[in-house]
PDB file of N, CA and C in Angstrom:
ATOM      1  N   MET A   1      34.719 -62.513  19.585  1.00  0.00           N
ATOM      2  CA  MET A   1      36.005 -62.910  19.336  1.00  0.00           C
ATOM      3  C   MET A   1      36.687 -62.403  18.115  1.00  0.00           C
ATOM      4  N   PRO A   2      37.707 -61.718  18.209  1.00  0.00           N
ATOM      5  CA  PRO A   2      38.475 -61.001  17.060  1.00  0.00           C
ATOM      6  C   PRO A   2      38.537 -61.807  15.845  1.00  0.00           C
ATOM      7  N   VAL A   3      38.736 -61.329  14.832  1.00  0.00           N
ATOM      8  CA  VAL A   3      38.692 -61.994  13.431  1.00  0.00           C
ATOM      9  C   VAL A   3      39.802 -61.429  12.916  1.00  0.00           C
ATOM     10  N   THR A   4      40.898 -62.129  12.265  1.00  0.00           N
ATOM     11  CA  THR A   4      41.958 -61.722  11.544  1.00  0.00           C
ATOM     12  C   THR A   4      42.038 -62.681  10.167  1.00  0.00           C
ATOM     13  N   LEU A   5      41.907 -61.727   9.059  1.00  0.00           N
ATOM     14  CA  LEU A   5      41.899 -62.373   7.857  1.00  0.00           C
ATOM     15  C   LEU A   5      43.202 -62.159   7.034  1.00  0.00           C
ATOM     16  N   CYS A   6      43.765 -63.046   6.340  1.00  0.00           N
ATOM     17  CA  CYS A   6      44.858 -62.870   5.434  1.00  0.00           C
ATOM     18  C   CYS A   6      44.196 -62.965   3.903  1.00  0.00           C
ATOM     19  N   VAL A   7      44.053 -61.914   3.206  1.00  0.00           N
ATOM     20  CA  VAL A   7      43.286 -61.777   1.985  1.00  0.00           C
ATOM     21  C   VAL A   7      44.408 -61.679   0.785  1.00  0.00           C
ATOM     22  N   LEU A   8      44.322 -62.749  -0.215  1.00  0.00           N
ATOM     23  CA  LEU A   8      45.116 -62.818  -1.312  1.00  0.00           C
ATOM     24  C   LEU A   8      44.201 -62.418  -2.423  1.00  0.00           C
ATOM     25  N   LEU A   9      44.815 -61.389  -3.393  1.00  0.00           N
ATOM     26  CA  LEU A   9      43.932 -61.096  -4.466  1.00  0.00           C
ATOM     27  C   LEU A   9      44.895 -61.031  -5.745  1.00  0.00           C
ATOM     28  N   TRP A  10      44.326 -61.685  -6.928  1.00  0.00           N
ATOM     29  CA  TRP A  10      44.795 -61.669  -8.132  1.00  0.00           C
ATOM     30  C   TRP A  10      44.024 -60.889  -8.986  1.00  0.00           C
ATOM     31  N   GLU A  11      44.750 -60.129  -9.880  1.00  0.00           N
ATOM     32  CA  GLU A  11      44.117 -59.211 -10.850  1.00  0.00           C
ATOM     33  C   GLU A  11      43.581 -59.928 -12.059  1.00  0.00           C
ATOM     34  N   THR A  12      42.493 -59.350 -12.745  1.00  0.00           N
ATOM     35  CA  THR A  12      42.249 -59.755 -14.156  1.00  0.00           C
ATOM     36  C   THR A  12      43.266 -59.131 -15.066  1.00  0.00           C
ATOM     37  N   GLU A  13      43.429 -59.787 -16.115  1.00  0.00           N
ATOM     38  CA  GLU A  13      44.355 -59.253 -17.200  1.00  0.00           C
ATOM     39  C   GLU A  13      44.336 -57.825 -17.409  1.00  0.00           C
ATOM     40  N   GLY A  14      45.495 -57.063 -17.348  1.00  0.00           N
ATOM     41  CA  GLY A  14      45.523 -55.748 -17.687  1.00  0.00           C
ATOM     42  C   GLY A  14      44.731 -54.962 -16.582  1.00  0.00           C
ATOM     43  N   ASN A  15      44.339 -55.399 -15.625  1.00  0.00           N
ATOM     44  CA  ASN A  15      43.438 -54.578 -14.617  1.00  0.00           C
ATOM     45  C   ASN A  15      44.110 -54.588 -13.154  1.00  0.00           C
ATOM     46  N   GLY A  16      45.507 -54.565 -13.035  1.00  0.00           N
ATOM     47  CA  GLY A  16      46.053 -54.355 -11.819  1.00  0.00           C
ATOM     48  C   GLY A  16      45.669 -52.870 -10.983  1.00  0.00           C
ATOM     49  N   ASP A  17      45.912 -51.915 -12.004  1.00  0.00           N
ATOM     50  CA  ASP A  17      45.610 -50.501 -11.427  1.00  0.00           C
ATOM     51  C   ASP A  17      44.033 -50.541 -10.974  1.00  0.00           C
ATOM     52  N   LEU A  18      43.141 -51.096 -11.664  1.00  0.00           N
ATOM     53  CA  LEU A  18      41.810 -51.055 -11.082  1.00  0.00           C
ATOM     54  C   LEU A  18      41.454 -51.867  -9.901  1.00  0.00           C
ATOM     55  N   LEU A  19      42.184 -52.997  -9.762  1.00  0.00           N
ATOM     56  CA  LEU A  19      42.177 -53.717  -8.369  1.00  0.00           C
ATOM     57  C   LEU A  19      42.725 -52.843  -7.266  1.00  0.00           C
ATOM     58  N   VAL A  20      43.826 -52.204  -7.442  1.00  0.00           N
ATOM     59  CA  VAL A  20      44.372 -51.351  -6.406  1.00  0.00           C
ATOM     60  C   VAL A  20      43.373 -50.274  -5.993  1.00  0.00           C
ATOM     61  N   GLU A  21      42.749 -49.477  -7.110  1.00  0.00           N
ATOM     62  CA  GLU A  21      41.837 -48.549  -6.931  1.00  0.00           C
ATOM     63  C   GLU A  21      40.695 -48.905  -5.935  1.00  0.00           C
ATOM     64  N   TYR A  22      40.033 -50.112  -6.392  1.00  0.00           N
ATOM     65  CA  TYR A  22      38.917 -50.774  -5.870  1.00  0.00           C
ATOM     66  C   TYR A  22      39.304 -51.086  -4.235  1.00  0.00           C
ATOM     67  N   GLU A  23      40.557 -51.741  -4.094  1.00  0.00           N
ATOM     68  CA  GLU A  23      40.883 -51.918  -2.758  1.00  0.00           C
ATOM     69  C   GLU A  23      40.934 -50.717  -1.929  1.00  0.00           C
ATOM     70  N   ASP A  24      41.593 -49.673  -2.425  1.00  0.00           N
ATOM     71  CA  ASP A  24      41.776 -48.411  -1.824  1.00  0.00           C
ATOM     72  C   ASP A  24      40.361 -47.854  -1.284  1.00  0.00           C
ATOM     73  N   ALA A  25      39.425 -47.893  -2.191  1.00  0.00           N
ATOM     74  CA  ALA A  25      37.969 -47.513  -1.765  1.00  0.00           C
ATOM     75  C   ALA A  25      37.301 -48.587  -0.714  1.00  0.00           C
ATOM     76  N   VAL A  26      37.523 -49.745  -0.698  1.00  0.00           N
ATOM     77  CA  VAL A  26      36.957 -50.586   0.146  1.00  0.00           C
ATOM     78  C   VAL A  26      37.580 -50.908   1.329  1.00  0.00           C
ATOM     79  N   LEU A  27      38.919 -50.764   1.510  1.00  0.00           N
ATOM     80  CA  LEU A  27      39.601 -50.793   2.720  1.00  0.00           C
ATOM     81  C   LEU A  27      39.382 -49.726   3.564  1.00  0.00           C
ATOM     82  N   ALA A  28      39.350 -48.553   3.098  1.00  0.00           N
ATOM     83  CA  ALA A  28      38.961 -47.137   3.792  1.00  0.00           C
ATOM     84  C   ALA A  28      37.743 -47.404   4.552  1.00  0.00           C
ATOM     85  N   LEU A  29      36.902 -48.467   4.223  1.00  0.00           N
ATOM     86  CA  LEU A  29      35.518 -48.531   4.997  1.00  0.00           C
ATOM     87  C   LEU A  29      35.905 -49.322   6.354  1.00  0.00           C
ATOM     88  N   VAL A  30      36.887 -50.083   6.313  1.00  0.00           N
ATOM     89  CA  VAL A  30      37.106 -51.039   7.481  1.00  0.00           C
ATOM     90  C   VAL A  30      37.175 -50.347   8.766  1.00  0.00           C
ATOM     91  N   PRO A  31      37.834 -49.374   8.982  1.00  0.00           N
ATOM     92  CA  PRO A  31      37.765 -48.707  10.181  1.00  0.00           C
ATOM     93  C   PRO A  31      36.282 -48.300  10.716  1.00  0.00           C
ATOM     94  N   GLU A  32      35.424 -48.127   9.804  1.00  0.00           N
ATOM     95  CA  GLU A  32      34.135 -47.721  10.127  1.00  0.00           C
ATOM     96  C   GLU A  32      33.262 -48.756  10.811  1.00  0.00           C
ATOM     97  N   HIS A  33      33.960 -50.124  10.575  1.00  0.00           N
ATOM     98  CA  HIS A  33      33.353 -51.337  11.167  1.00  0.00           C
ATOM     99  C   HIS A  33      34.060 -51.818  12.395  1.00  0.00           C
ATOM    100  N   GLY A  34      34.919 -50.935  12.924  1.00  0.00           N
ATOM    101  CA  GLY A  34      35.753 -51.255  14.146  1.00  0.00           C
ATOM    102  C   GLY A  34      37.121 -52.215  13.695  1.00  0.00           C
ATOM    103  N   GLY A  35      37.376 -52.155  12.395  1.00  0.00           N
ATOM    104  CA  GLY A  35      38.598 -53.127  12.205  1.00  0.00           C
ATOM    105  C   GLY A  35      39.634 -52.145  11.716  1.00  0.00           C
ATOM    106  N   GLU A  36      40.727 -52.800  11.238  1.00  0.00           N
ATOM    107  CA  GLU A  36      42.102 -52.104  10.875  1.00  0.00           C
ATOM    108  C   GLU A  36      42.775 -52.898   9.940  1.00  0.00           C
ATOM    109  N   VAL A  37      43.196 -52.438   8.904  1.00  0.00           N
ATOM    110  CA  VAL A  37      44.163 -52.959   7.920  1.00  0.00           C
ATOM    111  C   VAL A  37      45.652 -53.107   8.703  1.00  0.00           C
ATOM    112  N   HIS A  38      45.965 -54.197   9.143  1.00  0.00           N
ATOM    113  CA  HIS A  38      47.273 -54.345   9.672  1.00  0.00           C
ATOM    114  C   HIS A  38      48.466 -54.122   8.658  1.00  0.00           C
ATOM    115  N   GLU A  39      48.119 -54.823   7.495  1.00  0.00           N
ATOM    116  CA  GLU A  39      49.270 -54.839   6.529  1.00  0.00           C
ATOM    117  C   GLU A  39      48.667 -54.992   5.170  1.00  0.00           C
ATOM    118  N   ARG A  40      49.226 -54.453   4.185  1.00  0.00           N
ATOM    119  CA  ARG A  40      48.788 -54.427   2.659  1.00  0.00           C
ATOM    120  C   ARG A  40      50.172 -54.354   1.888  1.00  0.00           C
ATOM    121  N   VAL A  41      50.381 -55.379   1.229  1.00  0.00           N
ATOM    122  CA  VAL A  41      51.584 -55.391   0.364  1.00  0.00           C
ATOM    123  C   VAL A  41      51.253 -55.889  -0.950  1.00  0.00           C
ATOM    124  N   ARG A  42      52.051 -55.442  -1.915  1.00  0.00           N
ATOM    125  CA  ARG A  42      51.793 -55.982  -3.275  1.00  0.00           C
ATOM    126  C   ARG A  42      53.279 -56.703  -3.962  1.00  0.00           C
ATOM    127  N   ARG A  43      52.864 -57.507  -4.832  1.00  0.00           N
ATOM    128  CA  ARG A  43      54.168 -58.098  -5.341  1.00  0.00           C
ATOM    129  C   ARG A  43      54.877 -57.123  -6.092  1.00  0.00           C
ATOM    130  N   THR A  44      56.274 -57.259  -6.493  1.00  0.00           N
ATOM    131  CA  THR A  44      57.161 -56.233  -6.935  1.00  0.00           C
ATOM    132  C   THR A  44      57.197 -55.933  -8.217  1.00  0.00           C
ATOM    133  N   ALA A  45      56.363 -56.839  -9.002  1.00  0.00           N
ATOM    134  CA  ALA A  45      56.105 -56.530 -10.666  1.00  0.00           C
ATOM    135  C   ALA A  45      55.218 -55.404 -10.639  1.00  0.00           C
ATOM    136  N   ALA A  46      55.255 -54.676 -11.769  1.00  0.00           N
ATOM    137  CA  ALA A  46      54.202 -53.740 -11.881  1.00  0.00           C
ATOM    138  C   ALA A  46      52.793 -54.412 -12.008  1.00  0.00           C
ATOM    139  N   PRO A  47      51.964 -53.599 -11.444  1.00  0.00           N
ATOM    140  CA  PRO A  47      50.470 -53.931 -11.389  1.00  0.00           C
ATOM    141  C   PRO A  47      49.904 -54.399 -12.793  1.00  0.00           C
ATOM    142  N   ASP A  48      50.410 -53.926 -13.872  1.00  0.00           N
ATOM    143  CA  ASP A  48      49.783 -54.418 -15.271  1.00  0.00           C
ATOM    144  C   ASP A  48      50.586 -55.007 -15.939  1.00  0.00           C
ATOM    145  N   GLU A  49      51.718 -55.881 -15.159  1.00  0.00           N
ATOM    146  CA  GLU A  49      52.537 -56.691 -16.068  1.00  0.00           C
ATOM    147  C   GLU A  49      51.584 -58.103 -16.023  1.00  0.00           C
ATOM    148  N   PRO A  50      51.738 -58.924 -16.800  1.00  0.00           N
ATOM    149  CA  PRO A  50      51.137 -60.175 -17.072  1.00  0.00           C
ATOM    150  C   PRO A  50      51.091 -60.853 -15.564  1.00  0.00           C
ATOM    151  N   ARG A  51      49.994 -61.401 -15.197  1.00  0.00           N
ATOM    152  CA  ARG A  51      49.811 -62.064 -13.919  1.00  0.00           C
ATOM    153  C   ARG A  51      50.340 -63.437 -13.923  1.00  0.00           C
ATOM    154  N   GLY A  52      51.040 -63.876 -12.829  1.00  0.00           N
ATOM    155  CA  GLY A  52      51.500 -65.324 -12.730  1.00  0.00           C
ATOM    156  C   GLY A  52      50.794 -66.024 -11.638  1.00  0.00           C
ATOM    157  N   GLN A  53      51.414 -66.799 -11.118  1.00  0.00           N
ATOM    158  CA  GLN A  53      50.799 -67.602  -9.993  1.00  0.00           C
ATOM    159  C   GLN A  53      50.731 -66.779  -8.753  1.00  0.00           C
ATOM    160  N   ASP A  54      51.449 -65.866  -8.641  1.00  0.00           N
ATOM    161  CA  ASP A  54      51.339 -64.926  -7.489  1.00  0.00           C
ATOM    162  C   ASP A  54      50.381 -64.022  -7.427  1.00  0.00           C
ATOM    163  N   PRO A  55      49.713 -63.773  -6.043  1.00  0.00           N
ATOM    164  CA  PRO A  55      48.753 -62.648  -6.146  1.00  0.00           C
ATOM    165  C   PRO A  55      49.387 -61.290  -6.333  1.00  0.00           C
ATOM    166  N   LEU A  56      48.554 -60.302  -6.790  1.00  0.00           N
ATOM    167  CA  LEU A  56      48.860 -58.867  -6.836  1.00  0.00           C
ATOM    168  C   LEU A  56      49.146 -58.289  -5.517  1.00  0.00           C
ATOM    169  N   GLU A  57      48.191 -58.685  -4.563  1.00  0.00           N
ATOM    170  CA  GLU A  57      48.040 -57.901  -3.376  1.00  0.00           C
ATOM    171  C   GLU A  57      47.761 -58.880  -2.277  1.00  0.00           C
ATOM    172  N   VAL A  58      48.193 -58.663  -1.221  1.00  0.00           N
ATOM    173  CA  VAL A  58      48.031 -59.622   0.131  1.00  0.00           C
ATOM    174  C   VAL A  58      47.777 -58.566   1.240  1.00  0.00           C
ATOM    175  N   GLN A  59      46.644 -58.950   1.911  1.00  0.00           N
ATOM    176  CA  GLN A  59      46.429 -57.840   3.179  1.00  0.00           C
ATOM    177  C   GLN A  59      45.960 -58.793   4.386  1.00  0.00           C
ATOM    178  N   VAL A  60      46.250 -58.044   5.437  1.00  0.00           N
ATOM    179  CA  VAL A  60      45.991 -58.713   6.727  1.00  0.00           C
ATOM    180  C   VAL A  60      45.005 -57.581   7.412  1.00  0.00           C
ATOM    181  N   ILE A  61      43.912 -58.044   7.833  1.00  0.00           N
ATOM    182  CA  ILE A  61      42.878 -57.256   8.245  1.00  0.00           C
ATOM    183  C   ILE A  61      42.217 -57.910   9.364  1.00  0.00           C
ATOM    184  N   GLY A  62      42.085 -56.942  10.412  1.00  0.00           N
ATOM    185  CA  GLY A  62      41.503 -57.346  11.913  1.00  0.00           C
ATOM    186  C   GLY A  62      40.261 -56.657  12.136  1.00  0.00           C
ATOM    187  N   LEU A  63      39.308 -57.603  12.588  1.00  0.00           N
ATOM    188  CA  LEU A  63      37.957 -56.841  12.883  1.00  0.00           C
ATOM    189  C   LEU A  63      37.544 -57.483  14.156  1.00  0.00           C
ATOM    190  N   PRO A  64      36.745 -56.747  15.085  1.00  0.00           N
ATOM    191  CA  PRO A  64      36.446 -57.112  16.499  1.00  0.00           C
ATOM    192  C   PRO A  64      35.867 -58.489  16.522  1.00  0.00           C
ATOM    193  N   ASP A  65      34.910 -58.719  15.550  1.00  0.00           N
ATOM    194  CA  ASP A  65      34.142 -60.033  15.691  1.00  0.00           C
ATOM    195  C   ASP A  65      33.399 -60.403  14.320  1.00  0.00           C
ATOM    196  N   ASP A  66      32.845 -61.566  14.200  1.00  0.00           N
ATOM    197  CA  ASP A  66      32.179 -61.974  13.095  1.00  0.00           C
ATOM    198  C   ASP A  66      31.065 -61.019  12.692  1.00  0.00           C
ATOM    199  N   ALA A  67      30.414 -60.257  13.667  1.00  0.00           N
ATOM    200  CA  ALA A  67      29.247 -59.398  13.257  1.00  0.00           C
ATOM    201  C   ALA A  67      30.073 -58.261  12.590  1.00  0.00           C
ATOM    202  N   ALA A  68      31.094 -57.794  12.899  1.00  0.00           N
ATOM    203  CA  ALA A  68      31.630 -56.573  12.284  1.00  0.00           C
ATOM    204  C   ALA A  68      32.127 -56.959  10.971  1.00  0.00           C
ATOM    205  N   LEU A  69      32.678 -58.137  10.635  1.00  0.00           N
ATOM    206  CA  LEU A  69      33.004 -58.620   9.428  1.00  0.00           C
ATOM    207  C   LEU A  69      31.740 -58.810   8.538  1.00  0.00           C
ATOM    208  N   ALA A  70      30.500 -59.139   8.983  1.00  0.00           N
ATOM    209  CA  ALA A  70      29.406 -59.338   8.318  1.00  0.00           C
ATOM    210  C   ALA A  70      28.990 -57.641   7.797  1.00  0.00           C
ATOM    211  N   SER A  71      28.972 -56.819   8.788  1.00  0.00           N
ATOM    212  CA  SER A  71      28.533 -55.548   8.588  1.00  0.00           C
ATOM    213  C   SER A  71      29.641 -54.897   7.458  1.00  0.00           C
ATOM    214  N   TYR A  72      30.850 -55.137   7.359  1.00  0.00           N
ATOM    215  CA  TYR A  72      31.821 -54.672   6.476  1.00  0.00           C
ATOM    216  C   TYR A  72      31.397 -55.293   5.115  1.00  0.00           C
ATOM    217  N   LEU A  73      31.169 -56.502   5.036  1.00  0.00           N
ATOM    218  CA  LEU A  73      30.954 -57.276   3.849  1.00  0.00           C
ATOM    219  C   LEU A  73      29.528 -56.639   3.151  1.00  0.00           C
ATOM    220  N   ALA A  74      28.690 -56.365   3.964  1.00  0.00           N
ATOM    221  CA  ALA A  74      27.368 -55.850   3.551  1.00  0.00           C
ATOM    222  C   ALA A  74      27.148 -54.437   3.329  1.00  0.00           C
ATOM    223  N   ASP A  75      28.282 -53.706   3.864  1.00  0.00           N
ATOM    224  CA  ASP A  75      28.197 -52.231   3.681  1.00  0.00           C
ATOM    225  C   ASP A  75      27.900 -51.771   2.331  1.00  0.00           C
ATOM    226  N   PRO A  76      26.702 -50.781   2.202  1.00  0.00           N
ATOM    227  CA  PRO A  76      26.169 -50.491   0.739  1.00  0.00           C
ATOM    228  C   PRO A  76      27.195 -49.970  -0.213  1.00  0.00           C
ATOM    229  N   ARG A  77      28.195 -49.123   0.433  1.00  0.00           N
ATOM    230  CA  ARG A  77      29.149 -48.498  -0.339  1.00  0.00           C
ATOM    231  C   ARG A  77      30.226 -49.579  -1.092  1.00  0.00           C
ATOM    232  N   ARG A  78      30.192 -50.721  -0.085  1.00  0.00           N
ATOM    233  CA  ARG A  78      31.220 -51.669  -0.790  1.00  0.00           C
ATOM    234  C   ARG A  78      30.420 -52.675  -1.852  1.00  0.00           C
ATOM    235  N   VAL A  79      29.179 -52.858  -1.431  1.00  0.00           N
ATOM    236  CA  VAL A  79      28.428 -53.756  -2.381  1.00  0.00           C
ATOM    237  C   VAL A  79      28.102 -52.874  -3.618  1.00  0.00           C
ATOM    238  N   ALA A  80      28.077 -51.579  -3.515  1.00  0.00           N
ATOM    239  CA  ALA A  80      27.753 -50.761  -4.735  1.00  0.00           C
ATOM    240  C   ALA A  80      28.978 -50.872  -5.716  1.00  0.00           C
ATOM    241  N   LEU A  81      30.158 -51.051  -5.189  1.00  0.00           N
ATOM    242  CA  LEU A  81      31.321 -51.119  -6.094  1.00  0.00           C
ATOM    243  C   LEU A  81      31.510 -52.741  -6.742  1.00  0.00           C
ATOM    244  N   ALA A  82      30.544 -53.746  -6.554  1.00  0.00           N
ATOM    245  CA  ALA A  82      30.553 -55.031  -7.012  1.00  0.00           C
ATOM    246  C   ALA A  82      30.955 -55.048  -8.526  1.00  0.00           C
ATOM    247  N   ASP A  83      30.639 -54.265  -9.149  1.00  0.00           N
ATOM    248  CA  ASP A  83      30.801 -54.238 -10.721  1.00  0.00           C
ATOM    249  C   ASP A  83      32.315 -54.154 -11.012  1.00  0.00           C
ATOM    250  N   VAL A  84      32.926 -53.190 -10.296  1.00  0.00           N
ATOM    251  CA  VAL A  84      34.209 -52.861 -10.470  1.00  0.00           C
ATOM    252  C   VAL A  84      35.119 -53.907  -9.917  1.00  0.00           C
ATOM    253  N   ARG A  85      34.719 -54.499  -8.757  1.00  0.00           N
ATOM    254  CA  ARG A  85      35.425 -55.852  -8.166  1.00  0.00           C
ATOM    255  C   ARG A  85      35.513 -56.755  -9.277  1.00  0.00           C
ATOM    256  N   ASP A  86      34.168 -57.027 -10.052  1.00  0.00           N
ATOM    257  CA  ASP A  86      34.048 -58.327 -10.817  1.00  0.00           C
ATOM    258  C   ASP A  86      34.988 -58.201 -12.154  1.00  0.00           C
ATOM    259  N   ARG A  87      35.401 -56.807 -12.525  1.00  0.00           N
ATOM    260  CA  ARG A  87      36.311 -56.437 -13.542  1.00  0.00           C
ATOM    261  C   ARG A  87      37.635 -56.565 -13.221  1.00  0.00           C
ATOM    262  N   ALA A  88      37.943 -56.337 -11.740  1.00  0.00           N
ATOM    263  CA  ALA A  88      39.417 -56.132 -11.585  1.00  0.00           C
ATOM    264  C   ALA A  88      39.954 -57.477 -10.946  1.00  0.00           C
ATOM    265  N   VAL A  89      39.184 -58.100 -10.097  1.00  0.00           N
ATOM    266  CA  VAL A  89      39.652 -59.316  -9.338  1.00  0.00           C
ATOM    267  C   VAL A  89      39.258 -60.599 -10.028  1.00  0.00           C
ATOM    268  N   ALA A  90      40.300 -61.310 -10.258  1.00  0.00           N
ATOM    269  CA  ALA A  90      40.237 -62.533 -11.034  1.00  0.00           C
ATOM    270  C   ALA A  90      39.993 -63.662 -10.045  1.00  0.00           C
ATOM    271  N   ARG A  91      40.544 -63.594  -8.972  1.00  0.00           N
ATOM    272  CA  ARG A  91      40.613 -64.471  -7.869  1.00  0.00           C
ATOM    273  C   ARG A  91      40.880 -63.890  -6.356  1.00  0.00           C
ATOM    274  N   THR A  92      40.298 -64.405  -5.365  1.00  0.00           N
ATOM    275  CA  THR A  92      40.430 -64.010  -4.023  1.00  0.00           C
ATOM    276  C   THR A  92      40.457 -65.150  -3.155  1.00  0.00           C
ATOM    277  N   GLU A  93      41.476 -65.360  -2.356  1.00  0.00           N
ATOM    278  CA  GLU A  93      41.563 -66.407  -1.148  1.00  0.00           C
ATOM    279  C   GLU A  93      41.648 -65.535  -0.032  1.00  0.00           C
ATOM    280  N   ILE A  94      40.784 -65.970   1.058  1.00  0.00           N
ATOM    281  CA  ILE A  94      40.696 -65.536   2.380  1.00  0.00           C
ATOM    282  C   ILE A  94      40.903 -66.649   3.315  1.00  0.00           C
ATOM    283  N   VAL A  95      41.912 -66.287   4.068  1.00  0.00           N
ATOM    284  CA  VAL A  95      42.352 -67.588   5.155  1.00  0.00           C
ATOM    285  C   VAL A  95      42.224 -66.721   6.579  1.00  0.00           C
ATOM    286  N   ARG A  96      41.293 -67.439   7.395  1.00  0.00           N
ATOM    287  CA  ARG A  96      41.494 -66.766   8.890  1.00  0.00           C
ATOM    288  C   ARG A  96      42.803 -67.223   9.524  1.00  0.00           C
ATOM    289  N   VAL A  97      43.513 -66.403  10.207  1.00  0.00           N
ATOM    290  CA  VAL A  97      44.751 -66.568  10.687  1.00  0.00           C
ATOM    291  C   VAL A  97      44.770 -66.018  12.224  1.00  0.00           C
ATOM    292  N   ASP A  98      45.770 -66.359  13.078  1.00  0.00           N
ATOM    293  CA  ASP A  98      45.941 -65.725  14.245  1.00  0.00           C
ATOM    294  C   ASP A  98      47.143 -64.864  14.306  1.00  0.00           C
ATOM    295  N   ARG A  99      47.186 -63.850  14.729  1.00  0.00           N
ATOM    296  CA  ARG A  99      48.465 -62.959  15.083  1.00  0.00           C
ATOM    297  C   ARG A  99      49.392 -63.488  15.925  1.00  0.00           C
ATOM    298  N   VAL A 100      50.531 -63.678  15.470  1.00  0.00           N
ATOM    299  CA  VAL A 100      51.808 -64.143  16.307  1.00  0.00           C
ATOM    300  C   VAL A 100      52.322 -63.099  16.868  1.00  0.00           C
ATOM    301  N   ALA A 101      52.654 -63.129  18.271  1.00  0.00           N
ATOM    302  CA  ALA A 101      53.629 -62.064  18.709  1.00  0.00           C
ATOM    303  C   ALA A 101      55.141 -62.229  18.366  1.00  0.00           C
ATOM    304  N   ARG A 102      55.533 -61.035  18.092  1.00  0.00           N
ATOM    305  CA  ARG A 102      56.951 -61.227  17.865  1.00  0.00           C
ATOM    306  C   ARG A 102      57.815 -61.342  19.037  1.00  0.00           C
ATOM    307  N   GLY A 103      58.610 -62.205  19.101  1.00  0.00           N
ATOM    308  CA  GLY A 103      59.409 -62.609  20.288  1.00  0.00           C
ATOM    309  C   GLY A 103      60.899 -62.447  20.182  1.00  0.00           C
TER     310      GLY A 103
END
């Protein structure tokens, strides 16, 4: 069964650019696991402006199934960047969602 995730990411103080670089790297791996980044948006304030209650980045990612998601999460190239993620990402919220057809 297809998996669609809405991912919300908050940066650590002063590390907005690092969060963006990290996400550039790990999201490039999604297609190798059969997935697609449907949408990737950022709040309009500059990445290194003081963070507020709003996430810096929001993504909608689709994968074919839970096995593909597990494979992506365990990808050794992604895992190797865990220290970068820990420095850049203050908070992550992941919500499973269903895509809604535009009518």
